[in-house]
Amino acid sequence: LLASVLGKNPATTVVVIDEVDLDNWGIGGLPVEAYR
């Protein structure tokens, strides 16, 4: 997507995926489980 939309070089594109425990994630001032 970055290559096609912005013309960025795939060889220098860095993608990092972080998996976050639910108790470390909040939405609207609430822990995500309470929000859900």
PDB file of all heavy atoms in Angstrom:
ATOM      1  N   LEU A   1       0.826  -1.207   0.000  1.00  0.00           N
ATOM      2  CA  LEU A   1       0.000   0.000   0.000  1.00  0.00           C
ATOM      3  C   LEU A   1       0.861   1.259   0.000  1.00  0.00           C
ATOM      4  O   LEU A   1       0.596   2.198  -0.770  1.00  0.00           O
ATOM      5  CB  LEU A   1      -0.932  -0.008   1.219  1.00  0.00           C
ATOM      6  CG  LEU A   1      -1.937   1.130   1.317  1.00  0.00           C
ATOM      7  CD1 LEU A   1      -2.916   1.095   0.153  1.00  0.00           C
ATOM      8  CD2 LEU A   1      -2.680   1.048   2.643  1.00  0.00           C
ATOM      9  N   LEU A   2       1.891   1.287   0.819  1.00  0.00           N
ATOM     10  CA  LEU A   2       2.785   2.446   0.837  1.00  0.00           C
ATOM     11  C   LEU A   2       3.503   2.607  -0.502  1.00  0.00           C
ATOM     12  O   LEU A   2       3.718   3.738  -0.960  1.00  0.00           O
ATOM     13  CB  LEU A   2       3.802   2.319   1.968  1.00  0.00           C
ATOM     14  CG  LEU A   2       3.235   2.579   3.366  1.00  0.00           C
ATOM     15  CD1 LEU A   2       4.240   2.174   4.425  1.00  0.00           C
ATOM     16  CD2 LEU A   2       2.857   4.027   3.527  1.00  0.00           C
ATOM     17  N   ALA A   3       3.851   1.504  -1.131  1.00  0.00           N
ATOM     18  CA  ALA A   3       4.505   1.577  -2.441  1.00  0.00           C
ATOM     19  C   ALA A   3       3.546   2.113  -3.498  1.00  0.00           C
ATOM     20  O   ALA A   3       3.904   3.002  -4.281  1.00  0.00           O
ATOM     21  CB  ALA A   3       5.024   0.201  -2.850  1.00  0.00           C
ATOM     22  N   SER A   4       2.304   1.614  -3.519  1.00  0.00           N
ATOM     23  CA  SER A   4       1.371   2.017  -4.578  1.00  0.00           C
ATOM     24  C   SER A   4       0.804   3.419  -4.376  1.00  0.00           C
ATOM     25  O   SER A   4       0.620   4.163  -5.336  1.00  0.00           O
ATOM     26  CB  SER A   4       0.234   1.003  -4.709  1.00  0.00           C
ATOM     27  OG  SER A   4      -0.622   1.041  -3.594  1.00  0.00           O
ATOM     28  N   VAL A   5       0.537   3.805  -3.136  1.00  0.00           N
ATOM     29  CA  VAL A   5      -0.091   5.104  -2.881  1.00  0.00           C
ATOM     30  C   VAL A   5       0.935   6.230  -2.776  1.00  0.00           C
ATOM     31  O   VAL A   5       0.735   7.315  -3.320  1.00  0.00           O
ATOM     32  CB  VAL A   5      -0.962   5.053  -1.595  1.00  0.00           C
ATOM     33  CG1 VAL A   5      -1.488   6.426  -1.231  1.00  0.00           C
ATOM     34  CG2 VAL A   5      -2.115   4.069  -1.784  1.00  0.00           C
ATOM     35  N   LEU A   6       2.047   5.964  -2.090  1.00  0.00           N
ATOM     36  CA  LEU A   6       3.025   7.020  -1.832  1.00  0.00           C
ATOM     37  C   LEU A   6       4.335   6.845  -2.592  1.00  0.00           C
ATOM     38  O   LEU A   6       5.238   7.675  -2.474  1.00  0.00           O
ATOM     39  CB  LEU A   6       3.322   7.104  -0.334  1.00  0.00           C
ATOM     40  CG  LEU A   6       2.135   7.435   0.580  1.00  0.00           C
ATOM     41  CD1 LEU A   6       2.578   7.427   2.034  1.00  0.00           C
ATOM     42  CD2 LEU A   6       1.517   8.767   0.204  1.00  0.00           C
ATOM     43  N   GLY A   7       4.456   5.757  -3.347  1.00  0.00           N
ATOM     44  CA  GLY A   7       5.680   5.522  -4.099  1.00  0.00           C
ATOM     45  C   GLY A   7       6.882   5.184  -3.225  1.00  0.00           C
ATOM     46  O   GLY A   7       8.024   5.416  -3.621  1.00  0.00           O
ATOM     47  N   LYS A   8       6.629   4.645  -2.031  1.00  0.00           N
ATOM     48  CA  LYS A   8       7.716   4.317  -1.110  1.00  0.00           C
ATOM     49  C   LYS A   8       8.399   3.011  -1.515  1.00  0.00           C
ATOM     50  O   LYS A   8       7.758   2.086  -2.015  1.00  0.00           O
ATOM     51  CB  LYS A   8       7.206   4.208   0.331  1.00  0.00           C
ATOM     52  CG  LYS A   8       6.619   5.495   0.865  1.00  0.00           C
ATOM     53  CD  LYS A   8       7.655   6.613   0.881  1.00  0.00           C
ATOM     54  CE  LYS A   8       7.103   7.895   1.436  1.00  0.00           C
ATOM     55  NZ  LYS A   8       8.071   8.967   1.468  1.00  0.00           N
ATOM     56  N   ASN A   9       9.679   2.946  -1.284  1.00  0.00           N
ATOM     57  CA  ASN A   9      10.473   1.782  -1.638  1.00  0.00           C
ATOM     58  C   ASN A   9      10.195   0.645  -0.643  1.00  0.00           C
ATOM     59  O   ASN A   9      10.478   0.793   0.550  1.00  0.00           O
ATOM     60  CB  ASN A   9      11.958   2.145  -1.614  1.00  0.00           C
ATOM     61  CG  ASN A   9      12.862   1.004  -2.015  1.00  0.00           C
ATOM     62  OD1 ASN A   9      12.438  -0.122  -2.210  1.00  0.00           O
ATOM     63  ND2 ASN A   9      14.139   1.311  -2.136  1.00  0.00           N
ATOM     64  N   PRO A  10       9.674  -0.498  -1.101  1.00  0.00           N
ATOM     65  CA  PRO A  10       9.412  -1.613  -0.193  1.00  0.00           C
ATOM     66  C   PRO A  10      10.660  -2.090   0.552  1.00  0.00           C
ATOM     67  O   PRO A  10      10.567  -2.560   1.693  1.00  0.00           O
ATOM     68  CB  PRO A  10       8.880  -2.713  -1.115  1.00  0.00           C
ATOM     69  CG  PRO A  10       8.306  -1.980  -2.278  1.00  0.00           C
ATOM     70  CD  PRO A  10       9.199  -0.774  -2.456  1.00  0.00           C
ATOM     71  N   ALA A  11      11.826  -1.953  -0.063  1.00  0.00           N
ATOM     72  CA  ALA A  11      13.063  -2.428   0.560  1.00  0.00           C
ATOM     73  C   ALA A  11      13.447  -1.629   1.805  1.00  0.00           C
ATOM     74  O   ALA A  11      14.206  -2.114   2.641  1.00  0.00           O
ATOM     75  CB  ALA A  11      14.198  -2.386  -0.450  1.00  0.00           C
ATOM     76  N   THR A  12      12.909  -0.419   1.920  1.00  0.00           N
ATOM     77  CA  THR A  12      13.241   0.408   3.087  1.00  0.00           C
ATOM     78  C   THR A  12      12.031   0.675   3.981  1.00  0.00           C
ATOM     79  O   THR A  12      12.081   1.531   4.863  1.00  0.00           O
ATOM     80  CB  THR A  12      13.854   1.753   2.647  1.00  0.00           C
ATOM     81  OG1 THR A  12      12.906   2.454   1.837  1.00  0.00           O
ATOM     82  CG2 THR A  12      15.153   1.545   1.887  1.00  0.00           C
ATOM     83  N   THR A  13      10.942  -0.056   3.743  1.00  0.00           N
ATOM     84  CA  THR A  13       9.734   0.100   4.552  1.00  0.00           C
ATOM     85  C   THR A  13       9.791  -0.861   5.731  1.00  0.00           C
ATOM     86  O   THR A  13      10.010  -2.056   5.557  1.00  0.00           O
ATOM     87  CB  THR A  13       8.473  -0.186   3.706  1.00  0.00           C
ATOM     88  OG1 THR A  13       8.405   0.791   2.655  1.00  0.00           O
ATOM     89  CG2 THR A  13       7.208  -0.104   4.538  1.00  0.00           C
ATOM     90  N   VAL A  14       9.600  -0.322   6.924  1.00  0.00           N
ATOM     91  CA  VAL A  14       9.630  -1.112   8.151  1.00  0.00           C
ATOM     92  C   VAL A  14       8.213  -1.206   8.699  1.00  0.00           C
ATOM     93  O   VAL A  14       7.524  -0.198   8.838  1.00  0.00           O
ATOM     94  CB  VAL A  14      10.553  -0.449   9.200  1.00  0.00           C
ATOM     95  CG1 VAL A  14      10.513  -1.212  10.515  1.00  0.00           C
ATOM     96  CG2 VAL A  14      11.968  -0.334   8.663  1.00  0.00           C
ATOM     97  N   VAL A  15       7.773  -2.433   9.009  1.00  0.00           N
ATOM     98  CA  VAL A  15       6.461  -2.658   9.622  1.00  0.00           C
ATOM     99  C   VAL A  15       6.680  -3.455  10.908  1.00  0.00           C
ATOM    100  O   VAL A  15       7.329  -4.504  10.882  1.00  0.00           O
ATOM    101  CB  VAL A  15       5.510  -3.425   8.680  1.00  0.00           C
ATOM    102  CG1 VAL A  15       4.153  -3.654   9.352  1.00  0.00           C
ATOM    103  CG2 VAL A  15       5.331  -2.684   7.362  1.00  0.00           C
ATOM    104  N   VAL A  16       6.146  -2.933  12.008  1.00  0.00           N
ATOM    105  CA  VAL A  16       6.251  -3.601  13.301  1.00  0.00           C
ATOM    106  C   VAL A  16       4.842  -3.878  13.801  1.00  0.00           C
ATOM    107  O   VAL A  16       3.980  -2.995  13.773  1.00  0.00           O
ATOM    108  CB  VAL A  16       7.005  -2.722  14.324  1.00  0.00           C
ATOM    109  CG1 VAL A  16       7.016  -3.362  15.698  1.00  0.00           C
ATOM    110  CG2 VAL A  16       8.420  -2.439  13.837  1.00  0.00           C
ATOM    111  N   ILE A  17       4.603  -5.096  14.260  1.00  0.00           N
ATOM    112  CA  ILE A  17       3.308  -5.467  14.835  1.00  0.00           C
ATOM    113  C   ILE A  17       3.500  -5.690  16.326  1.00  0.00           C
ATOM    114  O   ILE A  17       4.300  -6.535  16.735  1.00  0.00           O
ATOM    115  CB  ILE A  17       2.735  -6.726  14.173  1.00  0.00           C
ATOM    116  CG1 ILE A  17       2.514  -6.480  12.676  1.00  0.00           C
ATOM    117  CG2 ILE A  17       1.424  -7.142  14.848  1.00  0.00           C
ATOM    118  CD1 ILE A  17       2.135  -7.723  11.892  1.00  0.00           C
ATOM    119  N   ASP A  18       2.787  -4.916  17.132  1.00  0.00           N
ATOM    120  CA  ASP A  18       2.797  -5.075  18.585  1.00  0.00           C
ATOM    121  C   ASP A  18       1.481  -5.699  19.016  1.00  0.00           C
ATOM    122  O   ASP A  18       0.406  -5.192  18.660  1.00  0.00           O
ATOM    123  CB  ASP A  18       2.944  -3.727  19.298  1.00  0.00           C
ATOM    124  CG  ASP A  18       4.304  -3.096  19.128  1.00  0.00           C
ATOM    125  OD1 ASP A  18       5.307  -3.843  19.082  1.00  0.00           O
ATOM    126  OD2 ASP A  18       4.371  -1.861  19.049  1.00  0.00           O
ATOM    127  N   GLU A  19       1.568  -6.777  19.765  1.00  0.00           N
ATOM    128  CA  GLU A  19       0.377  -7.375  20.356  1.00  0.00           C
ATOM    129  C   GLU A  19       0.297  -6.915  21.814  1.00  0.00           C
ATOM    130  O   GLU A  19       1.231  -7.095  22.579  1.00  0.00           O
ATOM    131  CB  GLU A  19       0.440  -8.893  20.274  1.00  0.00           C
ATOM    132  CG  GLU A  19       0.321  -9.398  18.841  1.00  0.00           C
ATOM    133  CD  GLU A  19       0.281 -10.901  18.779  1.00  0.00           C
ATOM    134  OE1 GLU A  19       1.358 -11.505  18.902  1.00  0.00           O
ATOM    135  OE2 GLU A  19      -0.820 -11.450  18.622  1.00  0.00           O
ATOM    136  N   VAL A  20      -0.832  -6.331  22.162  1.00  0.00           N
ATOM    137  CA  VAL A  20      -1.009  -5.708  23.468  1.00  0.00           C
ATOM    138  C   VAL A  20      -2.010  -6.522  24.279  1.00  0.00           C
ATOM    139  O   VAL A  20      -3.089  -6.861  23.781  1.00  0.00           O
ATOM    140  CB  VAL A  20      -1.515  -4.247  23.300  1.00  0.00           C
ATOM    141  CG1 VAL A  20      -1.691  -3.582  24.648  1.00  0.00           C
ATOM    142  CG2 VAL A  20      -0.571  -3.460  22.405  1.00  0.00           C
ATOM    143  N   ASP A  21      -1.647  -6.838  25.525  1.00  0.00           N
ATOM    144  CA  ASP A  21      -2.593  -7.525  26.411  1.00  0.00           C
ATOM    145  C   ASP A  21      -3.826  -6.655  26.616  1.00  0.00           C
ATOM    146  O   ASP A  21      -3.740  -5.419  26.671  1.00  0.00           O
ATOM    147  CB  ASP A  21      -1.944  -7.811  27.766  1.00  0.00           C
ATOM    148  CG  ASP A  21      -0.856  -8.855  27.686  1.00  0.00           C
ATOM    149  OD1 ASP A  21      -0.984  -9.799  26.880  1.00  0.00           O
ATOM    150  OD2 ASP A  21       0.130  -8.715  28.432  1.00  0.00           O
ATOM    151  N   LEU A  22      -4.992  -7.299  26.755  1.00  0.00           N
ATOM    152  CA  LEU A  22      -6.244  -6.552  26.913  1.00  0.00           C
ATOM    153  C   LEU A  22      -6.221  -5.622  28.118  1.00  0.00           C
ATOM    154  O   LEU A  22      -6.817  -4.534  28.065  1.00  0.00           O
ATOM    155  CB  LEU A  22      -7.432  -7.511  27.027  1.00  0.00           C
ATOM    156  CG  LEU A  22      -7.884  -8.180  25.734  1.00  0.00           C
ATOM    157  CD1 LEU A  22      -9.068  -9.093  26.006  1.00  0.00           C
ATOM    158  CD2 LEU A  22      -8.239  -7.154  24.680  1.00  0.00           C
ATOM    159  N   ASP A  23      -5.541  -6.018  29.183  1.00  0.00           N
ATOM    160  CA  ASP A  23      -5.532  -5.138  30.356  1.00  0.00           C
ATOM    161  C   ASP A  23      -4.643  -3.917  30.174  1.00  0.00           C
ATOM    162  O   ASP A  23      -4.613  -3.025  31.024  1.00  0.00           O
ATOM    163  CB  ASP A  23      -5.163  -5.905  31.628  1.00  0.00           C
ATOM    164  CG  ASP A  23      -3.797  -6.560  31.570  1.00  0.00           C
ATOM    165  OD1 ASP A  23      -3.189  -6.633  30.478  1.00  0.00           O
ATOM    166  OD2 ASP A  23      -3.333  -7.025  32.625  1.00  0.00           O
ATOM    167  N   ASN A  24      -3.945  -3.831  29.054  1.00  0.00           N
ATOM    168  CA  ASN A  24      -3.130  -2.656  28.721  1.00  0.00           C
ATOM    169  C   ASN A  24      -3.746  -1.823  27.594  1.00  0.00           C
ATOM    170  O   ASN A  24      -3.076  -0.976  27.017  1.00  0.00           O
ATOM    171  CB  ASN A  24      -1.714  -3.089  28.307  1.00  0.00           C
ATOM    172  CG  ASN A  24      -0.954  -3.701  29.446  1.00  0.00           C
ATOM    173  OD1 ASN A  24      -1.091  -3.286  30.591  1.00  0.00           O
ATOM    174  ND2 ASN A  24      -0.160  -4.695  29.155  1.00  0.00           N
ATOM    175  N   TRP A  25      -5.011  -2.056  27.275  1.00  0.00           N
ATOM    176  CA  TRP A  25      -5.667  -1.393  26.156  1.00  0.00           C
ATOM    177  C   TRP A  25      -6.947  -0.746  26.674  1.00  0.00           C
ATOM    178  O   TRP A  25      -7.740  -1.384  27.364  1.00  0.00           O
ATOM    179  CB  TRP A  25      -6.017  -2.442  25.091  1.00  0.00           C
ATOM    180  CG  TRP A  25      -6.411  -1.900  23.756  1.00  0.00           C
ATOM    181  CD1 TRP A  25      -7.587  -1.283  23.448  1.00  0.00           C
ATOM    182  CD2 TRP A  25      -5.665  -1.950  22.551  1.00  0.00           C
ATOM    183  NE1 TRP A  25      -7.614  -0.940  22.128  1.00  0.00           N
ATOM    184  CE2 TRP A  25      -6.432  -1.345  21.541  1.00  0.00           C
ATOM    185  CE3 TRP A  25      -4.416  -2.441  22.218  1.00  0.00           C
ATOM    186  CZ2 TRP A  25      -5.998  -1.230  20.230  1.00  0.00           C
ATOM    187  CZ3 TRP A  25      -3.994  -2.337  20.910  1.00  0.00           C
ATOM    188  CH2 TRP A  25      -4.779  -1.728  19.932  1.00  0.00           C
ATOM    189  N   GLY A  26      -7.156   0.510  26.358  1.00  0.00           N
ATOM    190  CA  GLY A  26      -8.362   1.191  26.804  1.00  0.00           C
ATOM    191  C   GLY A  26      -9.001   2.003  25.687  1.00  0.00           C
ATOM    192  O   GLY A  26      -8.332   2.445  24.760  1.00  0.00           O
ATOM    193  N   ILE A  27     -10.303   2.178  25.800  1.00  0.00           N
ATOM    194  CA  ILE A  27     -11.074   2.984  24.845  1.00  0.00           C
ATOM    195  C   ILE A  27     -12.057   3.834  25.648  1.00  0.00           C
ATOM    196  O   ILE A  27     -12.751   3.314  26.531  1.00  0.00           O
ATOM    197  CB  ILE A  27     -11.869   2.103  23.850  1.00  0.00           C
ATOM    198  CG1 ILE A  27     -10.945   1.165  23.083  1.00  0.00           C
ATOM    199  CG2 ILE A  27     -12.671   2.976  22.873  1.00  0.00           C
ATOM    200  CD1 ILE A  27     -11.677   0.131  22.240  1.00  0.00           C
ATOM    201  N   GLY A  28     -12.127   5.092  25.347  1.00  0.00           N
ATOM    202  CA  GLY A  28     -13.109   5.966  25.989  1.00  0.00           C
ATOM    203  C   GLY A  28     -12.981   6.029  27.500  1.00  0.00           C
ATOM    204  O   GLY A  28     -13.977   6.150  28.205  1.00  0.00           O
ATOM    205  N   GLY A  29     -11.760   5.909  28.002  1.00  0.00           N
ATOM    206  CA  GLY A  29     -11.546   5.996  29.436  1.00  0.00           C
ATOM    207  C   GLY A  29     -11.784   4.707  30.195  1.00  0.00           C
ATOM    208  O   GLY A  29     -11.754   4.704  31.423  1.00  0.00           O
ATOM    209  N   LEU A  30     -12.027   3.621  29.465  1.00  0.00           N
ATOM    210  CA  LEU A  30     -12.306   2.334  30.099  1.00  0.00           C
ATOM    211  C   LEU A  30     -11.348   1.263  29.587  1.00  0.00           C
ATOM    212  O   LEU A  30     -10.937   1.315  28.424  1.00  0.00           O
ATOM    213  CB  LEU A  30     -13.732   1.877  29.770  1.00  0.00           C
ATOM    214  CG  LEU A  30     -14.883   2.743  30.246  1.00  0.00           C
ATOM    215  CD1 LEU A  30     -16.188   2.277  29.612  1.00  0.00           C
ATOM    216  CD2 LEU A  30     -14.969   2.689  31.760  1.00  0.00           C
ATOM    217  N   PRO A  31     -11.048   0.259  30.432  1.00  0.00           N
ATOM    218  CA  PRO A  31     -10.349  -0.896  29.888  1.00  0.00           C
ATOM    219  C   PRO A  31     -11.196  -1.506  28.771  1.00  0.00           C
ATOM    220  O   PRO A  31     -12.428  -1.462  28.817  1.00  0.00           O
ATOM    221  CB  PRO A  31     -10.243  -1.848  31.088  1.00  0.00           C
ATOM    222  CG  PRO A  31     -10.385  -0.964  32.292  1.00  0.00           C
ATOM    223  CD  PRO A  31     -11.312   0.141  31.855  1.00  0.00           C
ATOM    224  N   VAL A  32     -10.561  -2.054  27.758  1.00  0.00           N
ATOM    225  CA  VAL A  32     -11.288  -2.498  26.571  1.00  0.00           C
ATOM    226  C   VAL A  32     -12.378  -3.517  26.891  1.00  0.00           C
ATOM    227  O   VAL A  32     -13.451  -3.491  26.277  1.00  0.00           O
ATOM    228  CB  VAL A  32     -10.318  -3.034  25.486  1.00  0.00           C
ATOM    229  CG1 VAL A  32      -9.718  -4.365  25.860  1.00  0.00           C
ATOM    230  CG2 VAL A  32     -11.027  -3.135  24.145  1.00  0.00           C
ATOM    231  N   GLU A  33     -12.148  -4.398  27.852  1.00  0.00           N
ATOM    232  CA  GLU A  33     -13.182  -5.386  28.169  1.00  0.00           C
ATOM    233  C   GLU A  33     -14.434  -4.727  28.744  1.00  0.00           C
ATOM    234  O   GLU A  33     -15.556  -5.097  28.411  1.00  0.00           O
ATOM    235  CB  GLU A  33     -12.629  -6.456  29.104  1.00  0.00           C
ATOM    236  CG  GLU A  33     -11.616  -7.349  28.385  1.00  0.00           C
ATOM    237  CD  GLU A  33     -10.983  -8.385  29.283  1.00  0.00           C
ATOM    238  OE1 GLU A  33     -10.580  -8.026  30.422  1.00  0.00           O
ATOM    239  OE2 GLU A  33     -10.885  -9.534  28.843  1.00  0.00           O
ATOM    240  N   ALA A  34     -14.263  -3.717  29.599  1.00  0.00           N
ATOM    241  CA  ALA A  34     -15.413  -2.973  30.135  1.00  0.00           C
ATOM    242  C   ALA A  34     -16.118  -2.196  29.024  1.00  0.00           C
ATOM    243  O   ALA A  34     -17.345  -2.157  28.957  1.00  0.00           O
ATOM    244  CB  ALA A  34     -14.958  -2.030  31.249  1.00  0.00           C
ATOM    245  N   TYR A  35     -15.337  -1.591  28.150  1.00  0.00           N
ATOM    246  CA  TYR A  35     -15.906  -0.863  27.010  1.00  0.00           C
ATOM    247  C   TYR A  35     -16.751  -1.788  26.139  1.00  0.00           C
ATOM    248  O   TYR A  35     -17.872  -1.446  25.744  1.00  0.00           O
ATOM    249  CB  TYR A  35     -14.780  -0.238  26.199  1.00  0.00           C
ATOM    250  CG  TYR A  35     -15.246   0.475  24.954  1.00  0.00           C
ATOM    251  CD1 TYR A  35     -15.700   1.783  25.013  1.00  0.00           C
ATOM    252  CD2 TYR A  35     -15.241  -0.164  23.715  1.00  0.00           C
ATOM    253  CE1 TYR A  35     -16.137   2.442  23.881  1.00  0.00           C
ATOM    254  CE2 TYR A  35     -15.668   0.491  22.575  1.00  0.00           C
ATOM    255  CZ  TYR A  35     -16.124   1.795  22.657  1.00  0.00           C
ATOM    256  OH  TYR A  35     -16.558   2.425  21.538  1.00  0.00           O
ATOM    257  N   ARG A  36     -16.225  -2.974  25.852  1.00  0.00           N
ATOM    258  CA  ARG A  36     -16.977  -3.936  25.032  1.00  0.00           C
ATOM    259  C   ARG A  36     -18.264  -4.372  25.693  1.00  0.00           C
ATOM    260  O   ARG A  36     -19.283  -4.546  25.008  1.00  0.00           O
ATOM    261  CB  ARG A  36     -16.099  -5.153  24.742  1.00  0.00           C
ATOM    262  CG  ARG A  36     -14.987  -4.858  23.757  1.00  0.00           C
ATOM    263  CD  ARG A  36     -14.128  -6.081  23.572  1.00  0.00           C
ATOM    264  NE  ARG A  36     -13.069  -5.835  22.599  1.00  0.00           N
ATOM    265  CZ  ARG A  36     -12.092  -6.687  22.367  1.00  0.00           C
ATOM    266  NH1 ARG A  36     -12.024  -7.843  23.020  1.00  0.00           N
ATOM    267  NH2 ARG A  36     -11.169  -6.399  21.477  1.00  0.00           N
TER     268      ARG A  36
END
